[in-house]
Amino acid sequence: MSVSTGRTSLAAETPTVKVGDPAPDFTLGSHAGEEFHLADKRGTNVVLAFYPYAFSGT
């Protein structure tokens, strides 16, 4: 993996999640200013869609 100048990669510090492993808990801010906690959704199906370049201007 290459990293552009001026950006920091935390990939080496991030634990790997394998298929079948439970997702680690996390919190995200919503567009409405609320917080989403994955722990609140345990036992339900959750689909996450990531758009890494959606707001980067590239």
N, C-alpha and C. Protein backbone atom coordinates (compact mmCIF):
# COMPACT_ATOMS: atom_id res chain seq x y z
N MET A 1 0.85 -1.17 0.00
CA MET A 1 0.00 0.00 0.00
C MET A 1 0.90 1.23 0.00
N SER A 2 0.59 2.16 -0.84
CA SER A 2 1.36 3.40 -0.85
C SER A 2 0.51 4.52 -0.26
N VAL A 3 1.18 5.45 0.37
CA VAL A 3 0.50 6.58 1.01
C VAL A 3 1.06 7.85 0.41
N SER A 4 0.17 8.74 -0.01
CA SER A 4 0.58 10.01 -0.58
C SER A 4 1.23 10.90 0.48
N THR A 5 2.06 11.81 0.03
CA THR A 5 2.69 12.77 0.94
C THR A 5 1.61 13.58 1.64
N GLY A 6 1.79 13.75 2.95
CA GLY A 6 0.84 14.55 3.71
C GLY A 6 -0.28 13.75 4.33
N ARG A 7 -0.32 12.47 4.05
CA ARG A 7 -1.36 11.62 4.64
C ARG A 7 -0.71 10.59 5.56
N THR A 8 -1.42 10.18 6.56
CA THR A 8 -0.92 9.19 7.51
C THR A 8 -1.72 7.91 7.36
N SER A 9 -1.02 6.77 7.33
CA SER A 9 -1.69 5.48 7.26
C SER A 9 -1.64 4.81 8.61
N LEU A 10 -2.79 4.41 9.11
CA LEU A 10 -2.87 3.68 10.36
C LEU A 10 -3.09 2.19 10.10
N ALA A 11 -2.92 1.75 8.86
CA ALA A 11 -3.20 0.36 8.51
C ALA A 11 -2.37 -0.61 9.33
N ALA A 12 -1.13 -0.29 9.61
CA ALA A 12 -0.28 -1.19 10.38
C ALA A 12 -0.73 -1.29 11.83
N GLU A 13 -1.47 -0.29 12.31
CA GLU A 13 -1.92 -0.27 13.70
C GLU A 13 -3.35 -0.79 13.86
N THR A 14 -4.02 -1.09 12.75
CA THR A 14 -5.42 -1.49 12.78
C THR A 14 -5.51 -3.01 12.80
N PRO A 15 -6.24 -3.60 13.77
CA PRO A 15 -6.38 -5.05 13.79
C PRO A 15 -7.18 -5.54 12.58
N THR A 16 -6.87 -6.73 12.10
CA THR A 16 -7.55 -7.30 10.96
C THR A 16 -8.79 -8.06 11.42
N VAL A 17 -9.90 -7.82 10.76
CA VAL A 17 -11.14 -8.53 11.04
C VAL A 17 -11.31 -9.55 9.93
N LYS A 18 -11.50 -10.80 10.30
CA LYS A 18 -11.67 -11.87 9.33
C LYS A 18 -13.16 -12.19 9.16
N VAL A 19 -13.50 -12.82 8.06
CA VAL A 19 -14.88 -13.22 7.81
C VAL A 19 -15.37 -14.07 8.97
N GLY A 20 -16.51 -13.75 9.50
CA GLY A 20 -17.09 -14.48 10.61
C GLY A 20 -16.78 -13.87 11.97
N ASP A 21 -15.78 -12.99 12.04
CA ASP A 21 -15.46 -12.30 13.30
C ASP A 21 -16.52 -11.24 13.57
N PRO A 22 -16.86 -11.03 14.84
CA PRO A 22 -17.76 -9.91 15.13
C PRO A 22 -17.04 -8.59 14.86
N ALA A 23 -17.77 -7.63 14.36
CA ALA A 23 -17.18 -6.32 14.08
C ALA A 23 -16.85 -5.62 15.40
N PRO A 24 -15.72 -4.94 15.45
CA PRO A 24 -15.40 -4.19 16.67
C PRO A 24 -16.37 -3.02 16.83
N ASP A 25 -16.63 -2.64 18.05
CA ASP A 25 -17.54 -1.53 18.31
C ASP A 25 -16.93 -0.23 17.81
N PHE A 26 -17.77 0.66 17.33
CA PHE A 26 -17.33 1.98 16.91
C PHE A 26 -18.49 2.95 17.02
N THR A 27 -18.18 4.23 16.97
CA THR A 27 -19.18 5.29 17.00
C THR A 27 -18.93 6.20 15.81
N LEU A 28 -19.99 6.56 15.12
CA LEU A 28 -19.91 7.49 13.99
C LEU A 28 -20.89 8.64 14.20
N GLY A 29 -20.52 9.81 13.73
CA GLY A 29 -21.44 10.94 13.74
C GLY A 29 -22.30 10.91 12.50
N SER A 30 -23.58 11.21 12.64
CA SER A 30 -24.48 11.22 11.49
C SER A 30 -24.56 12.63 10.91
N HIS A 31 -25.15 12.71 9.74
CA HIS A 31 -25.34 14.02 9.10
C HIS A 31 -26.31 14.89 9.90
N ALA A 32 -27.11 14.27 10.77
CA ALA A 32 -28.09 14.99 11.58
C ALA A 32 -27.51 15.39 12.95
N GLY A 33 -26.22 15.11 13.15
CA GLY A 33 -25.58 15.48 14.41
C GLY A 33 -25.76 14.46 15.53
N GLU A 34 -26.37 13.32 15.22
CA GLU A 34 -26.53 12.26 16.21
C GLU A 34 -25.37 11.29 16.13
N GLU A 35 -25.22 10.45 17.15
CA GLU A 35 -24.16 9.45 17.12
C GLU A 35 -24.76 8.07 16.86
N PHE A 36 -24.08 7.29 16.03
CA PHE A 36 -24.44 5.91 15.76
C PHE A 36 -23.43 5.03 16.47
N HIS A 37 -23.91 4.14 17.34
CA HIS A 37 -23.06 3.20 18.07
C HIS A 37 -23.38 1.80 17.57
N LEU A 38 -22.38 1.11 17.05
CA LEU A 38 -22.61 -0.24 16.57
C LEU A 38 -23.11 -1.15 17.68
N ALA A 39 -22.63 -0.96 18.90
CA ALA A 39 -23.05 -1.79 20.03
C ALA A 39 -24.57 -1.74 20.24
N ASP A 40 -25.20 -0.62 19.87
CA ASP A 40 -26.65 -0.50 20.02
C ASP A 40 -27.40 -1.37 19.02
N LYS A 41 -26.72 -1.84 17.99
CA LYS A 41 -27.36 -2.63 16.92
C LYS A 41 -27.02 -4.11 17.00
N ARG A 42 -26.32 -4.56 18.05
CA ARG A 42 -25.96 -5.98 18.18
C ARG A 42 -27.21 -6.83 18.10
N GLY A 43 -27.13 -7.93 17.34
CA GLY A 43 -28.26 -8.83 17.18
C GLY A 43 -29.13 -8.50 15.98
N THR A 44 -28.83 -7.40 15.29
CA THR A 44 -29.57 -7.03 14.07
C THR A 44 -28.59 -7.00 12.91
N ASN A 45 -29.11 -7.02 11.71
CA ASN A 45 -28.26 -6.90 10.52
C ASN A 45 -27.94 -5.44 10.28
N VAL A 46 -26.67 -5.17 10.03
CA VAL A 46 -26.22 -3.81 9.75
C VAL A 46 -25.39 -3.83 8.47
N VAL A 47 -25.70 -2.96 7.54
CA VAL A 47 -24.94 -2.84 6.30
C VAL A 47 -24.27 -1.48 6.30
N LEU A 48 -22.96 -1.47 6.13
CA LEU A 48 -22.21 -0.22 6.06
C LEU A 48 -21.72 -0.02 4.64
N ALA A 49 -21.88 1.16 4.11
CA ALA A 49 -21.37 1.51 2.78
C ALA A 49 -20.39 2.65 2.96
N PHE A 50 -19.18 2.46 2.49
CA PHE A 50 -18.14 3.48 2.61
C PHE A 50 -17.86 4.10 1.25
N TYR A 51 -17.82 5.40 1.20
CA TYR A 51 -17.51 6.14 -0.01
C TYR A 51 -16.31 7.04 0.29
N PRO A 52 -15.11 6.47 0.23
CA PRO A 52 -13.93 7.20 0.70
C PRO A 52 -13.62 8.49 -0.07
N TYR A 53 -14.03 8.59 -1.29
CA TYR A 53 -13.72 9.79 -2.07
C TYR A 53 -14.91 10.70 -2.27
N ALA A 54 -16.01 10.42 -1.60
CA ALA A 54 -17.24 11.18 -1.80
C ALA A 54 -17.08 12.66 -1.46
N PHE A 55 -16.26 12.98 -0.45
CA PHE A 55 -16.14 14.36 -0.01
C PHE A 55 -14.72 14.88 -0.11
N SER A 56 -13.86 14.18 -0.84
CA SER A 56 -12.46 14.56 -0.89
C SER A 56 -12.16 15.60 -1.96
N GLY A 57 -13.07 15.79 -2.88
CA GLY A 57 -12.82 16.76 -3.93
C GLY A 57 -11.98 16.20 -5.06
N THR A 58 -11.69 14.89 -5.04
CA THR A 58 -10.90 14.28 -6.13
C THR A 58 -11.77 13.52 -7.08
